[in-house]
PDB file of N, CA and C in Angstrom:
ATOM      1  N   MET A   1       5.769  -2.200  13.561  1.00  0.00           N
ATOM      2  CA  MET A   1       6.449  -3.062  12.637  1.00  0.00           C
ATOM      3  C   MET A   1       5.956  -2.727  11.231  1.00  0.00           C
ATOM      4  N   SER A   2       6.802  -2.933  10.254  1.00  0.00           N
ATOM      5  CA  SER A   2       6.388  -2.719   8.877  1.00  0.00           C
ATOM      6  C   SER A   2       6.820  -3.919   8.031  1.00  0.00           C
ATOM      7  N   VAL A   3       6.226  -4.021   6.867  1.00  0.00           N
ATOM      8  CA  VAL A   3       6.500  -5.117   5.941  1.00  0.00           C
ATOM      9  C   VAL A   3       7.161  -4.535   4.704  1.00  0.00           C
ATOM     10  N   ALA A   4       8.150  -5.233   4.192  1.00  0.00           N
ATOM     11  CA  ALA A   4       8.860  -4.770   3.003  1.00  0.00           C
ATOM     12  C   ALA A   4       8.002  -4.939   1.753  1.00  0.00           C
ATOM     13  N   THR A   5       8.236  -4.075   0.789  1.00  0.00           N
ATOM     14  CA  THR A   5       7.558  -4.176  -0.491  1.00  0.00           C
ATOM     15  C   THR A   5       8.238  -5.266  -1.308  1.00  0.00           C
ATOM     16  N   SER A   6       7.478  -6.301  -1.649  1.00  0.00           N
ATOM     17  CA  SER A   6       8.002  -7.361  -2.505  1.00  0.00           C
ATOM     18  C   SER A   6       6.836  -8.087  -3.159  1.00  0.00           C
ATOM     19  N   GLN A   7       7.121  -8.733  -4.261  1.00  0.00           N
ATOM     20  CA  GLN A   7       6.073  -9.489  -4.948  1.00  0.00           C
ATOM     21  C   GLN A   7       5.567 -10.622  -4.074  1.00  0.00           C
ATOM     22  N   LEU A   8       6.451 -11.260  -3.325  1.00  0.00           N
ATOM     23  CA  LEU A   8       6.046 -12.362  -2.456  1.00  0.00           C
ATOM     24  C   LEU A   8       5.114 -11.867  -1.351  1.00  0.00           C
ATOM     25  N   ASN A   9       5.459 -10.746  -0.732  1.00  0.00           N
ATOM     26  CA  ASN A   9       4.590 -10.200   0.316  1.00  0.00           C
ATOM     27  C   ASN A   9       3.236  -9.789  -0.246  1.00  0.00           C
ATOM     28  N   TYR A  10       3.229  -9.291  -1.478  1.00  0.00           N
ATOM     29  CA  TYR A  10       1.949  -8.936  -2.094  1.00  0.00           C
ATOM     30  C   TYR A  10       1.129 -10.195  -2.353  1.00  0.00           C
ATOM     31  N   ALA A  11       1.768 -11.231  -2.886  1.00  0.00           N
ATOM     32  CA  ALA A  11       1.059 -12.476  -3.203  1.00  0.00           C
ATOM     33  C   ALA A  11       0.529 -13.163  -1.950  1.00  0.00           C
ATOM     34  N   LEU A  12       1.261 -13.044  -0.849  1.00  0.00           N
ATOM     35  CA  LEU A  12       0.870 -13.719   0.397  1.00  0.00           C
ATOM     36  C   LEU A  12       0.230 -12.773   1.402  1.00  0.00           C
ATOM     37  N   ARG A  13      -0.346 -11.683   0.905  1.00  0.00           N
ATOM     38  CA  ARG A  13      -0.865 -10.658   1.811  1.00  0.00           C
ATOM     39  C   ARG A  13      -1.969 -11.172   2.733  1.00  0.00           C
ATOM     40  N   GLU A  14      -2.881 -11.997   2.242  1.00  0.00           N
ATOM     41  CA  GLU A  14      -3.989 -12.451   3.089  1.00  0.00           C
ATOM     42  C   GLU A  14      -3.520 -13.333   4.238  1.00  0.00           C
ATOM     43  N   PRO A  15      -2.697 -14.373   3.988  1.00  0.00           N
ATOM     44  CA  PRO A  15      -2.220 -15.150   5.139  1.00  0.00           C
ATOM     45  C   PRO A  15      -1.287 -14.344   6.051  1.00  0.00           C
ATOM     46  N   MET A  16      -0.531 -13.409   5.470  1.00  0.00           N
ATOM     47  CA  MET A  16       0.352 -12.573   6.273  1.00  0.00           C
ATOM     48  C   MET A  16      -0.457 -11.697   7.224  1.00  0.00           C
ATOM     49  N   VAL A  17      -1.512 -11.083   6.704  1.00  0.00           N
ATOM     50  CA  VAL A  17      -2.376 -10.231   7.530  1.00  0.00           C
ATOM     51  C   VAL A  17      -3.068 -11.068   8.606  1.00  0.00           C
ATOM     52  N   ALA A  18      -3.563 -12.236   8.222  1.00  0.00           N
ATOM     53  CA  ALA A  18      -4.243 -13.108   9.182  1.00  0.00           C
ATOM     54  C   ALA A  18      -3.302 -13.522  10.314  1.00  0.00           C
ATOM     55  N   ALA A  19      -2.061 -13.863   9.974  1.00  0.00           N
ATOM     56  CA  ALA A  19      -1.088 -14.270  10.993  1.00  0.00           C
ATOM     57  C   ALA A  19      -0.737 -13.108  11.920  1.00  0.00           C
ATOM     58  N   ALA A  20      -0.556 -11.919  11.351  1.00  0.00           N
ATOM     59  CA  ALA A  20      -0.229 -10.743  12.164  1.00  0.00           C
ATOM     60  C   ALA A  20      -1.377 -10.403  13.108  1.00  0.00           C
ATOM     61  N   ASN A  21      -2.603 -10.458  12.601  1.00  0.00           N
ATOM     62  CA  ASN A  21      -3.755 -10.144  13.450  1.00  0.00           C
ATOM     63  C   ASN A  21      -3.943 -11.196  14.538  1.00  0.00           C
ATOM     64  N   LYS A  22      -3.711 -12.464  14.202  1.00  0.00           N
ATOM     65  CA  LYS A  22      -3.834 -13.539  15.193  1.00  0.00           C
ATOM     66  C   LYS A  22      -2.815 -13.350  16.318  1.00  0.00           C
ATOM     67  N   ALA A  23      -1.601 -12.917  15.945  1.00  0.00           N
ATOM     68  CA  ALA A  23      -0.544 -12.678  16.930  1.00  0.00           C
ATOM     69  C   ALA A  23      -0.680 -11.304  17.588  1.00  0.00           C
ATOM     70  N   ARG A  24      -1.666 -10.531  17.142  1.00  0.00           N
ATOM     71  CA  ARG A  24      -1.939  -9.191  17.671  1.00  0.00           C
ATOM     72  C   ARG A  24      -0.743  -8.250  17.479  1.00  0.00           C
ATOM     73  N   VAL A  25      -0.142  -8.334  16.291  1.00  0.00           N
ATOM     74  CA  VAL A  25       1.004  -7.489  15.949  1.00  0.00           C
ATOM     75  C   VAL A  25       0.530  -6.381  15.015  1.00  0.00           C
ATOM     76  N   PRO A  26       0.613  -5.128  15.432  1.00  0.00           N
ATOM     77  CA  PRO A  26       0.220  -4.027  14.542  1.00  0.00           C
ATOM     78  C   PRO A  26       1.299  -3.804  13.485  1.00  0.00           C
ATOM     79  N   ILE A  27       0.882  -3.782  12.231  1.00  0.00           N
ATOM     80  CA  ILE A  27       1.834  -3.658  11.126  1.00  0.00           C
ATOM     81  C   ILE A  27       1.381  -2.565  10.166  1.00  0.00           C
ATOM     82  N   VAL A  28       2.347  -1.811   9.664  1.00  0.00           N
ATOM     83  CA  VAL A  28       2.110  -0.858   8.584  1.00  0.00           C
ATOM     84  C   VAL A  28       2.533  -1.563   7.301  1.00  0.00           C
ATOM     85  N   TYR A  29       1.588  -1.724   6.396  1.00  0.00           N
ATOM     86  CA  TYR A  29       1.817  -2.467   5.155  1.00  0.00           C
ATOM     87  C   TYR A  29       2.137  -1.534   3.998  1.00  0.00           C
ATOM     88  N   PRO A  30       2.861  -2.040   3.000  1.00  0.00           N
ATOM     89  CA  PRO A  30       3.190  -1.217   1.838  1.00  0.00           C
ATOM     90  C   PRO A  30       2.155  -1.311   0.715  1.00  0.00           C
ATOM     91  N   PHE A  31       1.080  -2.070   0.952  1.00  0.00           N
ATOM     92  CA  PHE A  31       0.060  -2.271  -0.077  1.00  0.00           C
ATOM     93  C   PHE A  31      -1.323  -1.974   0.493  1.00  0.00           C
ATOM     94  N   VAL A  32      -2.098  -1.189  -0.222  1.00  0.00           N
ATOM     95  CA  VAL A  32      -3.459  -0.863   0.193  1.00  0.00           C
ATOM     96  C   VAL A  32      -4.301  -2.133   0.326  1.00  0.00           C
ATOM     97  N   GLU A  33      -4.044  -3.095  -0.540  1.00  0.00           N
ATOM     98  CA  GLU A  33      -4.823  -4.336  -0.528  1.00  0.00           C
ATOM     99  C   GLU A  33      -4.694  -5.076   0.799  1.00  0.00           C
ATOM    100  N   CYS A  34      -3.594  -4.867   1.516  1.00  0.00           N
ATOM    101  CA  CYS A  34      -3.434  -5.495   2.832  1.00  0.00           C
ATOM    102  C   CYS A  34      -4.458  -4.948   3.823  1.00  0.00           C
ATOM    103  N   VAL A  35      -4.746  -3.664   3.738  1.00  0.00           N
ATOM    104  CA  VAL A  35      -5.746  -3.069   4.624  1.00  0.00           C
ATOM    105  C   VAL A  35      -7.129  -3.596   4.268  1.00  0.00           C
ATOM    106  N   TYR A  36      -7.399  -3.750   2.981  1.00  0.00           N
ATOM    107  CA  TYR A  36      -8.682  -4.323   2.563  1.00  0.00           C
ATOM    108  C   TYR A  36      -8.809  -5.777   3.013  1.00  0.00           C
ATOM    109  N   ALA A  37      -7.658  -6.453   3.199  1.00  0.00           N
ATOM    110  CA  ALA A  37      -7.661  -7.845   3.669  1.00  0.00           C
ATOM    111  C   ALA A  37      -7.704  -7.929   5.192  1.00  0.00           C
ATOM    112  N   GLY A  38      -7.751  -6.777   5.868  1.00  0.00           N
ATOM    113  CA  GLY A  38      -7.861  -6.772   7.325  1.00  0.00           C
ATOM    114  C   GLY A  38      -6.650  -6.233   8.051  1.00  0.00           C
ATOM    115  N   GLY A  39      -5.659  -5.731   7.315  1.00  0.00           N
ATOM    116  CA  GLY A  39      -4.476  -5.152   7.941  1.00  0.00           C
ATOM    117  C   GLY A  39      -4.785  -3.831   8.620  1.00  0.00           C
ATOM    118  N   LEU A  40      -3.924  -3.412   9.536  1.00  0.00           N
ATOM    119  CA  LEU A  40      -4.165  -2.203  10.325  1.00  0.00           C
ATOM    120  C   LEU A  40      -3.966  -0.921   9.518  1.00  0.00           C
ATOM    121  N   LEU A  41      -2.783  -0.727   8.975  1.00  0.00           N
ATOM    122  CA  LEU A  41      -2.450   0.512   8.260  1.00  0.00           C
ATOM    123  C   LEU A  41      -1.691   0.204   6.980  1.00  0.00           C
ATOM    124  N   ALA A  42      -1.867   1.052   5.998  1.00  0.00           N
ATOM    125  CA  ALA A  42      -1.037   0.995   4.793  1.00  0.00           C
ATOM    126  C   ALA A  42      -0.626   2.415   4.447  1.00  0.00           C
ATOM    127  N   TYR A  43       0.635   2.576   4.168  1.00  0.00           N
ATOM    128  CA  TYR A  43       1.174   3.845   3.689  1.00  0.00           C
ATOM    129  C   TYR A  43       1.857   3.482   2.390  1.00  0.00           C
ATOM    130  N   ALA A  44       1.174   3.751   1.304  1.00  0.00           N
ATOM    131  CA  ALA A  44       1.597   3.160   0.039  1.00  0.00           C
ATOM    132  C   ALA A  44       1.390   4.088  -1.134  1.00  0.00           C
ATOM    133  N   GLY A  45       2.183   3.812  -2.169  1.00  0.00           N
ATOM    134  CA  GLY A  45       1.989   4.492  -3.437  1.00  0.00           C
ATOM    135  C   GLY A  45       0.742   3.959  -4.124  1.00  0.00           C
ATOM    136  N   ASP A  46       0.222   4.735  -5.047  1.00  0.00           N
ATOM    137  CA  ASP A  46      -0.976   4.348  -5.797  1.00  0.00           C
ATOM    138  C   ASP A  46      -0.554   3.412  -6.928  1.00  0.00           C
ATOM    139  N   LEU A  47      -0.784   2.102  -6.759  1.00  0.00           N
ATOM    140  CA  LEU A  47      -0.346   1.116  -7.746  1.00  0.00           C
ATOM    141  C   LEU A  47      -1.034   1.294  -9.093  1.00  0.00           C
ATOM    142  N   ARG A  48      -2.304   1.659  -9.090  1.00  0.00           N
ATOM    143  CA  ARG A  48      -3.011   1.847 -10.365  1.00  0.00           C
ATOM    144  C   ARG A  48      -2.377   2.987 -11.162  1.00  0.00           C
ATOM    145  N   PHE A  49      -2.102   4.091 -10.489  1.00  0.00           N
ATOM    146  CA  PHE A  49      -1.468   5.226 -11.142  1.00  0.00           C
ATOM    147  C   PHE A  49      -0.076   4.841 -11.643  1.00  0.00           C
ATOM    148  N   ALA A  50       0.667   4.090 -10.826  1.00  0.00           N
ATOM    149  CA  ALA A  50       2.006   3.667 -11.226  1.00  0.00           C
ATOM    150  C   ALA A  50       1.959   2.763 -12.457  1.00  0.00           C
ATOM    151  N   MET A  51       0.983   1.877 -12.521  1.00  0.00           N
ATOM    152  CA  MET A  51       0.873   0.985 -13.678  1.00  0.00           C
ATOM    153  C   MET A  51       0.545   1.768 -14.948  1.00  0.00           C
ATOM    154  N   VAL A  52      -0.267   2.787 -14.832  1.00  0.00           N
ATOM    155  CA  VAL A  52      -0.576   3.636 -15.993  1.00  0.00           C
ATOM    156  C   VAL A  52       0.702   4.323 -16.473  1.00  0.00           C
ATOM    157  N   ARG A  53       1.503   4.808 -15.543  1.00  0.00           N
ATOM    158  CA  ARG A  53       2.762   5.463 -15.919  1.00  0.00           C
ATOM    159  C   ARG A  53       3.730   4.461 -16.558  1.00  0.00           C
ATOM    160  N   VAL A  54       3.807   3.252 -15.998  1.00  0.00           N
ATOM    161  CA  VAL A  54       4.690   2.219 -16.567  1.00  0.00           C
ATOM    162  C   VAL A  54       4.258   1.878 -17.982  1.00  0.00           C
ATOM    163  N   MET A  55       2.954   1.732 -18.194  1.00  0.00           N
ATOM    164  CA  MET A  55       2.454   1.417 -19.534  1.00  0.00           C
ATOM    165  C   MET A  55       2.757   2.542 -20.512  1.00  0.00           C
ATOM    166  N   SER A  56       2.670   3.779 -20.054  1.00  0.00           N
ATOM    167  CA  SER A  56       2.973   4.923 -20.905  1.00  0.00           C
ATOM    168  C   SER A  56       4.442   4.916 -21.325  1.00  0.00           C
ATOM    169  N   ILE A  57       5.324   4.647 -20.379  1.00  0.00           N
ATOM    170  CA  ILE A  57       6.758   4.609 -20.676  1.00  0.00           C
ATOM    171  C   ILE A  57       7.075   3.432 -21.604  1.00  0.00           C
ATOM    172  N   ALA A  58       6.449   2.275 -21.353  1.00  0.00           N
ATOM    173  CA  ALA A  58       6.657   1.106 -22.214  1.00  0.00           C
ATOM    174  C   ALA A  58       6.182   1.403 -23.634  1.00  0.00           C
ATOM    175  N   ALA A  59       5.048   2.083 -23.758  1.00  0.00           N
ATOM    176  CA  ALA A  59       4.527   2.430 -25.079  1.00  0.00           C
ATOM    177  C   ALA A  59       5.492   3.355 -25.821  1.00  0.00           C
ATOM    178  N   GLN A  60       6.089   4.290 -25.099  1.00  0.00           N
ATOM    179  CA  GLN A  60       7.067   5.186 -25.724  1.00  0.00           C
ATOM    180  C   GLN A  60       8.276   4.404 -26.204  1.00  0.00           C
ATOM    181  N   ALA A  61       8.771   3.479 -25.373  1.00  0.00           N
ATOM    182  CA  ALA A  61       9.942   2.678 -25.748  1.00  0.00           C
ATOM    183  C   ALA A  61       9.616   1.785 -26.941  1.00  0.00           C
ATOM    184  N   LEU A  62       8.439   1.161 -26.919  1.00  0.00           N
ATOM    185  CA  LEU A  62       8.047   0.293 -28.029  1.00  0.00           C
ATOM    186  C   LEU A  62       7.747   1.094 -29.295  1.00  0.00           C
ATOM    187  N   GLY A  63       7.431   2.369 -29.125  1.00  0.00           N
ATOM    188  CA  GLY A  63       7.161   3.233 -30.266  1.00  0.00           C
ATOM    189  C   GLY A  63       8.417   3.806 -30.897  1.00  0.00           C
ATOM    190  N   GLY A  64       9.574   3.435 -30.356  1.00  0.00           N
ATOM    191  CA  GLY A  64      10.816   3.870 -30.974  1.00  0.00           C
ATOM    192  C   GLY A  64      11.611   4.889 -30.184  1.00  0.00           C
ATOM    193  N   ALA A  65      11.109   5.340 -29.040  1.00  0.00           N
ATOM    194  CA  ALA A  65      11.859   6.305 -28.237  1.00  0.00           C
ATOM    195  C   ALA A  65      13.110   5.647 -27.668  1.00  0.00           C
ATOM    196  N   ASN A  66      14.148   6.430 -27.522  1.00  0.00           N
ATOM    197  CA  ASN A  66      15.393   5.940 -26.945  1.00  0.00           C
ATOM    198  C   ASN A  66      15.165   5.683 -25.453  1.00  0.00           C
ATOM    199  N   PRO A  67      15.304   4.436 -24.977  1.00  0.00           N
ATOM    200  CA  PRO A  67      15.068   4.141 -23.554  1.00  0.00           C
ATOM    201  C   PRO A  67      15.936   4.972 -22.616  1.00  0.00           C
ATOM    202  N   ALA A  68      17.139   5.319 -23.043  1.00  0.00           N
ATOM    203  CA  ALA A  68      18.016   6.128 -22.197  1.00  0.00           C
ATOM    204  C   ALA A  68      17.468   7.543 -22.015  1.00  0.00           C
ATOM    205  N   GLY A  69      16.617   7.963 -22.929  1.00  0.00           N
ATOM    206  CA  GLY A  69      16.058   9.305 -22.844  1.00  0.00           C
ATOM    207  C   GLY A  69      14.756   9.384 -22.078  1.00  0.00           C
ATOM    208  N   LEU A  70      14.216   8.239 -21.683  1.00  0.00           N
ATOM    209  CA  LEU A  70      12.956   8.233 -20.941  1.00  0.00           C
ATOM    210  C   LEU A  70      13.220   8.515 -19.464  1.00  0.00           C
ATOM    211  N   ALA A  71      12.375   9.314 -18.882  1.00  0.00           N
ATOM    212  CA  ALA A  71      12.561   9.725 -17.490  1.00  0.00           C
ATOM    213  C   ALA A  71      12.241   8.588 -16.524  1.00  0.00           C
ATOM    214  N   PHE A  72      13.051   8.481 -15.484  1.00  0.00           N
ATOM    215  CA  PHE A  72      12.763   7.569 -14.381  1.00  0.00           C
ATOM    216  C   PHE A  72      11.841   8.327 -13.443  1.00  0.00           C
ATOM    217  N   GLU A  73      10.753   7.707 -13.063  1.00  0.00           N
ATOM    218  CA  GLU A  73       9.776   8.397 -12.215  1.00  0.00           C
ATOM    219  C   GLU A  73       9.612   7.685 -10.890  1.00  0.00           C
ATOM    220  N   GLN A  74       9.509   8.481  -9.848  1.00  0.00           N
ATOM    221  CA  GLN A  74       9.226   7.957  -8.520  1.00  0.00           C
ATOM    222  C   GLN A  74       7.772   8.280  -8.209  1.00  0.00           C
ATOM    223  N   SER A  75       7.131   7.398  -7.472  1.00  0.00           N
ATOM    224  CA  SER A  75       5.729   7.604  -7.129  1.00  0.00           C
ATOM    225  C   SER A  75       5.545   8.940  -6.408  1.00  0.00           C
ATOM    226  N   THR A  76       4.572   9.697  -6.860  1.00  0.00           N
ATOM    227  CA  THR A  76       4.288  10.986  -6.235  1.00  0.00           C
ATOM    228  C   THR A  76       2.977  10.954  -5.465  1.00  0.00           C
ATOM    229  N   ARG A  77       2.242   9.876  -5.596  1.00  0.00           N
ATOM    230  CA  ARG A  77       0.975   9.738  -4.877  1.00  0.00           C
ATOM    231  C   ARG A  77       1.138   8.687  -3.785  1.00  0.00           C
ATOM    232  N   ILE A  78       1.265   9.153  -2.567  1.00  0.00           N
ATOM    233  CA  ILE A  78       1.389   8.267  -1.420  1.00  0.00           C
ATOM    234  C   ILE A  78       0.115   8.438  -0.590  1.00  0.00           C
ATOM    235  N   SER A  79      -0.496   7.317  -0.224  1.00  0.00           N
ATOM    236  CA  SER A  79      -1.773   7.367   0.475  1.00  0.00           C
ATOM    237  C   SER A  79      -1.688   6.629   1.803  1.00  0.00           C
ATOM    238  N   LEU A  80      -2.480   7.086   2.759  1.00  0.00           N
ATOM    239  CA  LEU A  80      -2.581   6.458   4.076  1.00  0.00           C
ATOM    240  C   LEU A  80      -3.963   5.845   4.205  1.00  0.00           C
ATOM    241  N   PHE A  81      -4.007   4.568   4.538  1.00  0.00           N
ATOM    242  CA  PHE A  81      -5.255   3.843   4.727  1.00  0.00           C
ATOM    243  C   PHE A  81      -5.270   3.263   6.132  1.00  0.00           C
ATOM    244  N   VAL A  82      -6.406   3.368   6.807  1.00  0.00           N
ATOM    245  CA  VAL A  82      -6.550   2.880   8.173  1.00  0.00           C
ATOM    246  C   VAL A  82      -7.763   1.965   8.244  1.00  0.00           C
ATOM    247  N   ASN A  83      -7.590   0.804   8.870  1.00  0.00           N
ATOM    248  CA  ASN A  83      -8.698  -0.124   9.077  1.00  0.00           C
ATOM    249  C   ASN A  83      -9.090  -0.056  10.545  1.00  0.00           C
ATOM    250  N   MET A  84     -10.180   0.647  10.832  1.00  0.00           N
ATOM    251  CA  MET A  84     -10.616   0.839  12.216  1.00  0.00           C
ATOM    252  C   MET A  84     -11.154  -0.448  12.839  1.00  0.00           C
ATOM    253  N   LYS A  85     -11.692  -1.347  12.030  1.00  0.00           N
ATOM    254  CA  LYS A  85     -12.161  -2.635  12.573  1.00  0.00           C
ATOM    255  C   LYS A  85     -10.979  -3.392  13.176  1.00  0.00           C
ATOM    256  N   THR A  86      -9.869  -3.399  12.464  1.00  0.00           N
ATOM    257  CA  THR A  86      -8.672  -4.083  12.956  1.00  0.00           C
ATOM    258  C   THR A  86      -8.096  -3.353  14.157  1.00  0.00           C
ATOM    259  N   ALA A  87      -8.098  -2.031  14.116  1.00  0.00           N
ATOM    260  CA  ALA A  87      -7.587  -1.247  15.245  1.00  0.00           C
ATOM    261  C   ALA A  87      -8.372  -1.566  16.512  1.00  0.00           C
ATOM    262  N   GLN A  88      -9.681  -1.668  16.399  1.00  0.00           N
ATOM    263  CA  GLN A  88     -10.506  -2.003  17.559  1.00  0.00           C
ATOM    264  C   GLN A  88     -10.254  -3.427  18.024  1.00  0.00           C
ATOM    265  N   ALA A  89     -10.100  -4.368  17.079  1.00  0.00           N
ATOM    266  CA  ALA A  89      -9.832  -5.763  17.440  1.00  0.00           C
ATOM    267  C   ALA A  89      -8.484  -5.898  18.151  1.00  0.00           C
ATOM    268  N   LEU A  90      -7.497  -5.099  17.737  1.00  0.00           N
ATOM    269  CA  LEU A  90      -6.178  -5.121  18.360  1.00  0.00           C
ATOM    270  C   LEU A  90      -6.102  -4.214  19.584  1.00  0.00           C
ATOM    271  N   GLN A  91      -7.195  -3.535  19.899  1.00  0.00           N
ATOM    272  CA  GLN A  91      -7.254  -2.550  20.983  1.00  0.00           C
ATOM    273  C   GLN A  91      -6.137  -1.518  20.830  1.00  0.00           C
ATOM    274  N   MET A  92      -6.045  -1.025  19.588  1.00  0.00           N
ATOM    275  CA  MET A  92      -5.004  -0.076  19.208  1.00  0.00           C
ATOM    276  C   MET A  92      -5.663   1.266  18.910  1.00  0.00           C
ATOM    277  N   PRO A  93      -5.563   2.232  19.811  1.00  0.00           N
ATOM    278  CA  PRO A  93      -6.179   3.526  19.524  1.00  0.00           C
ATOM    279  C   PRO A  93      -5.435   4.255  18.405  1.00  0.00           C
ATOM    280  N   ILE A  94      -6.185   4.766  17.458  1.00  0.00           N
ATOM    281  CA  ILE A  94      -5.606   5.546  16.357  1.00  0.00           C
ATOM    282  C   ILE A  94      -5.924   7.010  16.641  1.00  0.00           C
ATOM    283  N   PRO A  95      -4.905   7.852  16.746  1.00  0.00           N
ATOM    284  CA  PRO A  95      -5.153   9.266  17.046  1.00  0.00           C
ATOM    285  C   PRO A  95      -6.030   9.932  15.980  1.00  0.00           C
ATOM    286  N   GLU A  96      -6.830  10.848  16.425  1.00  0.00           N
ATOM    287  CA  GLU A  96      -7.727  11.583  15.522  1.00  0.00           C
ATOM    288  C   GLU A  96      -6.945  12.300  14.426  1.00  0.00           C
ATOM    289  N   SER A  97      -5.750  12.789  14.761  1.00  0.00           N
ATOM    290  CA  SER A  97      -4.934  13.485  13.762  1.00  0.00           C
ATOM    291  C   SER A  97      -4.545  12.555  12.618  1.00  0.00           C
ATOM    292  N   VAL A  98      -4.317  11.277  12.911  1.00  0.00           N
ATOM    293  CA  VAL A  98      -3.991  10.303  11.863  1.00  0.00           C
ATOM    294  C   VAL A  98      -5.233  10.039  11.016  1.00  0.00           C
ATOM    295  N   LEU A  99      -6.375   9.890  11.670  1.00  0.00           N
ATOM    296  CA  LEU A  99      -7.619   9.632  10.935  1.00  0.00           C
ATOM    297  C   LEU A  99      -7.977  10.794  10.015  1.00  0.00           C
ATOM    298  N   LEU A 100      -7.697  12.014  10.447  1.00  0.00           N
ATOM    299  CA  LEU A 100      -7.997  13.176   9.618  1.00  0.00           C
ATOM    300  C   LEU A 100      -7.083  13.261   8.404  1.00  0.00           C
ATOM    301  N   ARG A 101      -5.872  12.754   8.526  1.00  0.00           N
ATOM    302  CA  ARG A 101      -4.926  12.775   7.404  1.00  0.00           C
ATOM    303  C   ARG A 101      -5.082  11.587   6.468  1.00  0.00           C
ATOM    304  N   ALA A 102      -5.775  10.561   6.928  1.00  0.00           N
ATOM    305  CA  ALA A 102      -5.914   9.341   6.123  1.00  0.00           C
ATOM    306  C   ALA A 102      -6.706   9.601   4.848  1.00  0.00           C
ATOM    307  N   ASP A 103      -6.284   8.943   3.775  1.00  0.00           N
ATOM    308  CA  ASP A 103      -7.012   9.042   2.500  1.00  0.00           C
ATOM    309  C   ASP A 103      -8.271   8.192   2.532  1.00  0.00           C
ATOM    310  N   GLU A 104      -8.224   7.113   3.307  1.00  0.00           N
ATOM    311  CA  GLU A 104      -9.418   6.266   3.458  1.00  0.00           C
ATOM    312  C   GLU A 104      -9.383   5.608   4.829  1.00  0.00           C
ATOM    313  N   VAL A 105     -10.530   5.606   5.483  1.00  0.00           N
ATOM    314  CA  VAL A 105     -10.696   4.945   6.768  1.00  0.00           C
ATOM    315  C   VAL A 105     -11.783   3.892   6.599  1.00  0.00           C
ATOM    316  N   ILE A 106     -11.432   2.650   6.863  1.00  0.00           N
ATOM    317  CA  ILE A 106     -12.407   1.554   6.778  1.00  0.00           C
ATOM    318  C   ILE A 106     -13.003   1.387   8.159  1.00  0.00           C
ATOM    319  N   ARG A 107     -14.310   1.492   8.225  1.00  0.00           N
ATOM    320  CA  ARG A 107     -14.988   1.392   9.533  1.00  0.00           C
ATOM    321  C   ARG A 107     -15.802   0.132   9.625  1.00  0.00           C
TER     322      ARG A 107
END
């Protein structure tokens, strides 16, 4: 199962993760912070990097650049995070190949 990217899901990430873990539902989250809150997996863009890019584009627009001429950018940094504590609690084996590809593994 996966969770949609939304401001509400981000704001309610801790109770959402707690409810999913209580129900023993493995979920792939769109936010790294969900894994830090105890979620199983996150496959997500780098929000810090994205915010830096947004601020750069906003600065260009506020500096007088034509907004129509500014490039639309899609996230190019996608990261995989795995929480092994949650995987063990859910009795969910994570293949070694996934762990080797993960950007961060929480043990």
